[in-house]
Amino acid sequence: MTFGTAALKRPGVASDEPQADKSLDAAWLVLEAANDLGDHATVEVCRRVIDAGLNGTPASPSELQLILDYFR
């Protein structure tokens, strides 16, 4: 089991959850890890994705991809 796969699965969450919600959850997880590792560039990307999600605007596809691939 890889950490990234396990971290993105939450018990009790329906599989039909909107993709934006999953991306926002992933951004919060990556934000915490990046903070712990002192990865300032990734912290900024996470903040932009989280802000976009909270404002209802689309996040950059390249920034979303960075977040989704962070634990690989």
PDB file of N, CA and C in Angstrom:
ATOM      1  N   MET A   1       0.855  -1.170   0.000  1.00  0.00           N
ATOM      2  CA  MET A   1       0.000   0.000   0.000  1.00  0.00           C
ATOM      3  C   MET A   1       0.896   1.227   0.000  1.00  0.00           C
ATOM      4  N   THR A   2       0.626   2.136  -0.919  1.00  0.00           N
ATOM      5  CA  THR A   2       1.408   3.357  -0.965  1.00  0.00           C
ATOM      6  C   THR A   2       0.733   4.429  -0.131  1.00  0.00           C
ATOM      7  N   PHE A   3       1.538   5.313   0.394  1.00  0.00           N
ATOM      8  CA  PHE A   3       1.005   6.370   1.250  1.00  0.00           C
ATOM      9  C   PHE A   3       0.040   7.273   0.495  1.00  0.00           C
ATOM     10  N   GLY A   4       0.382   7.636  -0.728  1.00  0.00           N
ATOM     11  CA  GLY A   4      -0.467   8.533  -1.507  1.00  0.00           C
ATOM     12  C   GLY A   4      -1.836   7.953  -1.766  1.00  0.00           C
ATOM     13  N   THR A   5      -1.881   6.680  -2.111  1.00  0.00           N
ATOM     14  CA  THR A   5      -3.169   6.032  -2.375  1.00  0.00           C
ATOM     15  C   THR A   5      -3.986   5.951  -1.099  1.00  0.00           C
ATOM     16  N   ALA A   6      -3.354   5.576  -0.016  1.00  0.00           N
ATOM     17  CA  ALA A   6      -4.071   5.456   1.249  1.00  0.00           C
ATOM     18  C   ALA A   6      -4.543   6.817   1.740  1.00  0.00           C
ATOM     19  N   ALA A   7      -3.739   7.831   1.535  1.00  0.00           N
ATOM     20  CA  ALA A   7      -4.090   9.161   2.034  1.00  0.00           C
ATOM     21  C   ALA A   7      -5.278   9.749   1.295  1.00  0.00           C
ATOM     22  N   LEU A   8      -5.462   9.384   0.028  1.00  0.00           N
ATOM     23  CA  LEU A   8      -6.540   9.967  -0.750  1.00  0.00           C
ATOM     24  C   LEU A   8      -7.869   9.248  -0.546  1.00  0.00           C
ATOM     25  N   LYS A   9      -7.854   8.087   0.106  1.00  0.00           N
ATOM     26  CA  LYS A   9      -9.083   7.349   0.364  1.00  0.00           C
ATOM     27  C   LYS A   9      -9.554   7.651   1.777  1.00  0.00           C
ATOM     28  N   ARG A  10     -10.785   8.096   1.881  1.00  0.00           N
ATOM     29  CA  ARG A  10     -11.336   8.395   3.191  1.00  0.00           C
ATOM     30  C   ARG A  10     -12.492   7.458   3.449  1.00  0.00           C
ATOM     31  N   PRO A  11     -12.514   6.785   4.576  1.00  0.00           N
ATOM     32  CA  PRO A  11     -13.631   5.893   4.871  1.00  0.00           C
ATOM     33  C   PRO A  11     -14.938   6.676   5.014  1.00  0.00           C
ATOM     34  N   GLY A  12     -15.995   6.101   4.523  1.00  0.00           N
ATOM     35  CA  GLY A  12     -17.308   6.719   4.665  1.00  0.00           C
ATOM     36  C   GLY A  12     -17.631   7.769   3.629  1.00  0.00           C
ATOM     37  N   VAL A  13     -16.779   7.956   2.639  1.00  0.00           N
ATOM     38  CA  VAL A  13     -17.030   8.933   1.590  1.00  0.00           C
ATOM     39  C   VAL A  13     -17.486   8.198   0.347  1.00  0.00           C
ATOM     40  N   ALA A  14     -18.592   8.625  -0.200  1.00  0.00           N
ATOM     41  CA  ALA A  14     -19.143   7.970  -1.378  1.00  0.00           C
ATOM     42  C   ALA A  14     -18.204   8.116  -2.560  1.00  0.00           C
ATOM     43  N   SER A  15     -18.193   7.108  -3.433  1.00  0.00           N
ATOM     44  CA  SER A  15     -17.288   7.134  -4.581  1.00  0.00           C
ATOM     45  C   SER A  15     -17.720   8.131  -5.642  1.00  0.00           C
ATOM     46  N   ASP A  16     -18.962   8.620  -5.570  1.00  0.00           N
ATOM     47  CA  ASP A  16     -19.434   9.590  -6.554  1.00  0.00           C
ATOM     48  C   ASP A  16     -19.214  11.030  -6.096  1.00  0.00           C
ATOM     49  N   GLU A  17     -18.308  11.221  -5.136  1.00  0.00           N
ATOM     50  CA  GLU A  17     -17.968  12.552  -4.645  1.00  0.00           C
ATOM     51  C   GLU A  17     -17.399  13.369  -5.805  1.00  0.00           C
ATOM     52  N   PRO A  18     -17.796  14.621  -5.945  1.00  0.00           N
ATOM     53  CA  PRO A  18     -17.295  15.448  -7.047  1.00  0.00           C
ATOM     54  C   PRO A  18     -15.771  15.516  -7.060  1.00  0.00           C
ATOM     55  N   GLN A  19     -15.192  15.565  -8.260  1.00  0.00           N
ATOM     56  CA  GLN A  19     -13.738  15.598  -8.411  1.00  0.00           C
ATOM     57  C   GLN A  19     -13.132  16.812  -7.719  1.00  0.00           C
ATOM     58  N   ALA A  20     -13.812  17.944  -7.753  1.00  0.00           N
ATOM     59  CA  ALA A  20     -13.280  19.147  -7.107  1.00  0.00           C
ATOM     60  C   ALA A  20     -13.079  18.918  -5.611  1.00  0.00           C
ATOM     61  N   ASP A  21     -14.018  18.214  -4.972  1.00  0.00           N
ATOM     62  CA  ASP A  21     -13.887  17.931  -3.546  1.00  0.00           C
ATOM     63  C   ASP A  21     -12.693  17.027  -3.278  1.00  0.00           C
ATOM     64  N   LYS A  22     -12.480  16.041  -4.136  1.00  0.00           N
ATOM     65  CA  LYS A  22     -11.337  15.140  -3.972  1.00  0.00           C
ATOM     66  C   LYS A  22     -10.030  15.900  -4.159  1.00  0.00           C
ATOM     67  N   SER A  23      -9.993  16.789  -5.120  1.00  0.00           N
ATOM     68  CA  SER A  23      -8.791  17.580  -5.357  1.00  0.00           C
ATOM     69  C   SER A  23      -8.512  18.502  -4.176  1.00  0.00           C
ATOM     70  N   LEU A  24      -9.541  19.072  -3.616  1.00  0.00           N
ATOM     71  CA  LEU A  24      -9.380  19.959  -2.467  1.00  0.00           C
ATOM     72  C   LEU A  24      -8.873  19.178  -1.255  1.00  0.00           C
ATOM     73  N   ASP A  25      -9.427  17.987  -1.041  1.00  0.00           N
ATOM     74  CA  ASP A  25      -8.952  17.136   0.057  1.00  0.00           C
ATOM     75  C   ASP A  25      -7.487  16.768  -0.140  1.00  0.00           C
ATOM     76  N   ALA A  26      -7.122  16.417  -1.369  1.00  0.00           N
ATOM     77  CA  ALA A  26      -5.734  16.073  -1.671  1.00  0.00           C
ATOM     78  C   ALA A  26      -4.821  17.269  -1.439  1.00  0.00           C
ATOM     79  N   ALA A  27      -5.286  18.455  -1.811  1.00  0.00           N
ATOM     80  CA  ALA A  27      -4.482  19.670  -1.617  1.00  0.00           C
ATOM     81  C   ALA A  27      -4.198  19.903  -0.137  1.00  0.00           C
ATOM     82  N   TRP A  28      -5.179  19.664   0.720  1.00  0.00           N
ATOM     83  CA  TRP A  28      -4.960  19.830   2.160  1.00  0.00           C
ATOM     84  C   TRP A  28      -3.934  18.825   2.670  1.00  0.00           C
ATOM     85  N   LEU A  29      -4.007  17.571   2.200  1.00  0.00           N
ATOM     86  CA  LEU A  29      -3.047  16.547   2.629  1.00  0.00           C
ATOM     87  C   LEU A  29      -1.629  16.900   2.177  1.00  0.00           C
ATOM     88  N   VAL A  30      -1.510  17.321   0.925  1.00  0.00           N
ATOM     89  CA  VAL A  30      -0.201  17.682   0.391  1.00  0.00           C
ATOM     90  C   VAL A  30       0.325  18.934   1.085  1.00  0.00           C
ATOM     91  N   LEU A  31      -0.553  19.879   1.381  1.00  0.00           N
ATOM     92  CA  LEU A  31      -0.140  21.094   2.095  1.00  0.00           C
ATOM     93  C   LEU A  31       0.510  20.733   3.427  1.00  0.00           C
ATOM     94  N   GLU A  32      -0.106  19.835   4.157  1.00  0.00           N
ATOM     95  CA  GLU A  32       0.448  19.430   5.450  1.00  0.00           C
ATOM     96  C   GLU A  32       1.813  18.757   5.273  1.00  0.00           C
ATOM     97  N   ALA A  33       1.920  17.852   4.305  1.00  0.00           N
ATOM     98  CA  ALA A  33       3.192  17.162   4.075  1.00  0.00           C
ATOM     99  C   ALA A  33       4.266  18.140   3.601  1.00  0.00           C
ATOM    100  N   ALA A  34       3.911  19.023   2.688  1.00  0.00           N
ATOM    101  CA  ALA A  34       4.875  19.989   2.161  1.00  0.00           C
ATOM    102  C   ALA A  34       5.352  20.933   3.266  1.00  0.00           C
ATOM    103  N   ASN A  35       4.448  21.333   4.141  1.00  0.00           N
ATOM    104  CA  ASN A  35       4.842  22.164   5.290  1.00  0.00           C
ATOM    105  C   ASN A  35       5.851  21.431   6.162  1.00  0.00           C
ATOM    106  N   ASP A  36       5.565  20.157   6.452  1.00  0.00           N
ATOM    107  CA  ASP A  36       6.459  19.357   7.292  1.00  0.00           C
ATOM    108  C   ASP A  36       7.838  19.205   6.666  1.00  0.00           C
ATOM    109  N   LEU A  37       7.882  19.117   5.333  1.00  0.00           N
ATOM    110  CA  LEU A  37       9.146  18.912   4.628  1.00  0.00           C
ATOM    111  C   LEU A  37       9.850  20.216   4.250  1.00  0.00           C
ATOM    112  N   GLY A  38       9.200  21.345   4.498  1.00  0.00           N
ATOM    113  CA  GLY A  38       9.790  22.630   4.140  1.00  0.00           C
ATOM    114  C   GLY A  38       9.780  22.884   2.641  1.00  0.00           C
ATOM    115  N   ASP A  39       8.836  22.272   1.936  1.00  0.00           N
ATOM    116  CA  ASP A  39       8.715  22.410   0.482  1.00  0.00           C
ATOM    117  C   ASP A  39       7.844  23.635   0.184  1.00  0.00           C
ATOM    118  N   HIS A  40       8.461  24.802   0.185  1.00  0.00           N
ATOM    119  CA  HIS A  40       7.738  26.065   0.084  1.00  0.00           C
ATOM    120  C   HIS A  40       7.028  26.256  -1.255  1.00  0.00           C
ATOM    121  N   ALA A  41       7.629  25.785  -2.323  1.00  0.00           N
ATOM    122  CA  ALA A  41       6.996  25.923  -3.644  1.00  0.00           C
ATOM    123  C   ALA A  41       5.687  25.140  -3.701  1.00  0.00           C
ATOM    124  N   THR A  42       5.693  23.930  -3.161  1.00  0.00           N
ATOM    125  CA  THR A  42       4.474  23.116  -3.163  1.00  0.00           C
ATOM    126  C   THR A  42       3.435  23.692  -2.220  1.00  0.00           C
ATOM    127  N   VAL A  43       3.863  24.262  -1.113  1.00  0.00           N
ATOM    128  CA  VAL A  43       2.924  24.912  -0.192  1.00  0.00           C
ATOM    129  C   VAL A  43       2.166  26.016  -0.930  1.00  0.00           C
ATOM    130  N   GLU A  44       2.867  26.809  -1.724  1.00  0.00           N
ATOM    131  CA  GLU A  44       2.210  27.887  -2.479  1.00  0.00           C
ATOM    132  C   GLU A  44       1.221  27.332  -3.501  1.00  0.00           C
ATOM    133  N   VAL A  45       1.591  26.243  -4.174  1.00  0.00           N
ATOM    134  CA  VAL A  45       0.677  25.609  -5.133  1.00  0.00           C
ATOM    135  C   VAL A  45      -0.579  25.129  -4.405  1.00  0.00           C
ATOM    136  N   CYS A  46      -0.395  24.489  -3.277  1.00  0.00           N
ATOM    137  CA  CYS A  46      -1.542  23.991  -2.502  1.00  0.00           C
ATOM    138  C   CYS A  46      -2.452  25.133  -2.067  1.00  0.00           C
ATOM    139  N   ARG A  47      -1.864  26.213  -1.647  1.00  0.00           N
ATOM    140  CA  ARG A  47      -2.669  27.370  -1.215  1.00  0.00           C
ATOM    141  C   ARG A  47      -3.492  27.929  -2.371  1.00  0.00           C
ATOM    142  N   ARG A  48      -2.898  27.978  -3.566  1.00  0.00           N
ATOM    143  CA  ARG A  48      -3.647  28.472  -4.727  1.00  0.00           C
ATOM    144  C   ARG A  48      -4.799  27.531  -5.083  1.00  0.00           C
ATOM    145  N   VAL A  49      -4.547  26.226  -5.029  1.00  0.00           N
ATOM    146  CA  VAL A  49      -5.596  25.247  -5.347  1.00  0.00           C
ATOM    147  C   VAL A  49      -6.703  25.295  -4.302  1.00  0.00           C
ATOM    148  N   ILE A  50      -6.335  25.398  -3.042  1.00  0.00           N
ATOM    149  CA  ILE A  50      -7.334  25.473  -1.968  1.00  0.00           C
ATOM    150  C   ILE A  50      -8.153  26.751  -2.101  1.00  0.00           C
ATOM    151  N   ASP A  51      -7.492  27.879  -2.342  1.00  0.00           N
ATOM    152  CA  ASP A  51      -8.210  29.147  -2.528  1.00  0.00           C
ATOM    153  C   ASP A  51      -9.184  29.063  -3.698  1.00  0.00           C
ATOM    154  N   ALA A  52      -8.737  28.469  -4.804  1.00  0.00           N
ATOM    155  CA  ALA A  52      -9.612  28.323  -5.968  1.00  0.00           C
ATOM    156  C   ALA A  52     -10.821  27.456  -5.617  1.00  0.00           C
ATOM    157  N   GLY A  53     -10.589  26.368  -4.913  1.00  0.00           N
ATOM    158  CA  GLY A  53     -11.686  25.479  -4.530  1.00  0.00           C
ATOM    159  C   GLY A  53     -12.681  26.156  -3.605  1.00  0.00           C
ATOM    160  N   LEU A  54     -12.186  26.948  -2.683  1.00  0.00           N
ATOM    161  CA  LEU A  54     -13.074  27.643  -1.750  1.00  0.00           C
ATOM    162  C   LEU A  54     -13.830  28.780  -2.425  1.00  0.00           C
ATOM    163  N   ASN A  55     -13.231  29.365  -3.471  1.00  0.00           N
ATOM    164  CA  ASN A  55     -13.881  30.449  -4.201  1.00  0.00           C
ATOM    165  C   ASN A  55     -14.774  29.953  -5.334  1.00  0.00           C
ATOM    166  N   GLY A  56     -14.730  28.651  -5.598  1.00  0.00           N
ATOM    167  CA  GLY A  56     -15.560  28.093  -6.662  1.00  0.00           C
ATOM    168  C   GLY A  56     -14.998  28.324  -8.054  1.00  0.00           C
ATOM    169  N   THR A  57     -13.725  28.652  -8.147  1.00  0.00           N
ATOM    170  CA  THR A  57     -13.090  28.846  -9.448  1.00  0.00           C
ATOM    171  C   THR A  57     -12.224  27.631  -9.759  1.00  0.00           C
ATOM    172  N   PRO A  58     -12.018  27.338 -11.039  1.00  0.00           N
ATOM    173  CA  PRO A  58     -11.192  26.177 -11.380  1.00  0.00           C
ATOM    174  C   PRO A  58      -9.711  26.431 -11.078  1.00  0.00           C
ATOM    175  N   ALA A  59      -9.062  25.411 -10.584  1.00  0.00           N
ATOM    176  CA  ALA A  59      -7.628  25.493 -10.334  1.00  0.00           C
ATOM    177  C   ALA A  59      -6.876  25.136 -11.607  1.00  0.00           C
ATOM    178  N   SER A  60      -5.651  25.534 -11.674  1.00  0.00           N
ATOM    179  CA  SER A  60      -4.803  25.228 -12.823  1.00  0.00           C
ATOM    180  C   SER A  60      -4.631  23.710 -12.953  1.00  0.00           C
ATOM    181  N   PRO A  61      -4.845  23.161 -14.139  1.00  0.00           N
ATOM    182  CA  PRO A  61      -4.663  21.711 -14.320  1.00  0.00           C
ATOM    183  C   PRO A  61      -3.251  21.238 -13.970  1.00  0.00           C
ATOM    184  N   SER A  62      -2.243  22.043 -14.265  1.00  0.00           N
ATOM    185  CA  SER A  62      -0.872  21.632 -13.946  1.00  0.00           C
ATOM    186  C   SER A  62      -0.643  21.607 -12.435  1.00  0.00           C
ATOM    187  N   GLU A  63      -1.258  22.536 -11.717  1.00  0.00           N
ATOM    188  CA  GLU A  63      -1.126  22.550 -10.259  1.00  0.00           C
ATOM    189  C   GLU A  63      -1.881  21.381  -9.635  1.00  0.00           C
ATOM    190  N   LEU A  64      -3.043  21.058 -10.175  1.00  0.00           N
ATOM    191  CA  LEU A  64      -3.781  19.890  -9.694  1.00  0.00           C
ATOM    192  C   LEU A  64      -2.969  18.617  -9.916  1.00  0.00           C
ATOM    193  N   GLN A  65      -2.330  18.512 -11.061  1.00  0.00           N
ATOM    194  CA  GLN A  65      -1.529  17.326 -11.364  1.00  0.00           C
ATOM    195  C   GLN A  65      -0.356  17.205 -10.402  1.00  0.00           C
ATOM    196  N   LEU A  66       0.287  18.316 -10.074  1.00  0.00           N
ATOM    197  CA  LEU A  66       1.390  18.294  -9.115  1.00  0.00           C
ATOM    198  C   LEU A  66       0.908  17.748  -7.769  1.00  0.00           C
ATOM    199  N   ILE A  67      -0.251  18.194  -7.331  1.00  0.00           N
ATOM    200  CA  ILE A  67      -0.806  17.744  -6.054  1.00  0.00           C
ATOM    201  C   ILE A  67      -1.136  16.254  -6.096  1.00  0.00           C
ATOM    202  N   LEU A  68      -1.769  15.818  -7.168  1.00  0.00           N
ATOM    203  CA  LEU A  68      -2.171  14.422  -7.259  1.00  0.00           C
ATOM    204  C   LEU A  68      -0.971  13.474  -7.375  1.00  0.00           C
ATOM    205  N   ASP A  69       0.144  13.975  -7.893  1.00  0.00           N
ATOM    206  CA  ASP A  69       1.345  13.146  -8.058  1.00  0.00           C
ATOM    207  C   ASP A  69       2.356  13.323  -6.922  1.00  0.00           C
ATOM    208  N   TYR A  70       2.063  14.102  -5.911  1.00  0.00           N
ATOM    209  CA  TYR A  70       3.044  14.468  -4.892  1.00  0.00           C
ATOM    210  C   TYR A  70       3.619  13.269  -4.147  1.00  0.00           C
ATOM    211  N   PHE A  71       2.815  12.288  -3.833  1.00  0.00           N
ATOM    212  CA  PHE A  71       3.287  11.152  -3.028  1.00  0.00           C
ATOM    213  C   PHE A  71       3.833  10.007  -3.876  1.00  0.00           C
ATOM    214  N   ARG A  72       3.894  10.180  -5.169  1.00  0.00           N
ATOM    215  CA  ARG A  72       4.384   9.087  -6.035  1.00  0.00           C
ATOM    216  C   ARG A  72       5.859   9.076  -6.127  1.00  0.00           C
TER     217      ARG A  72
END
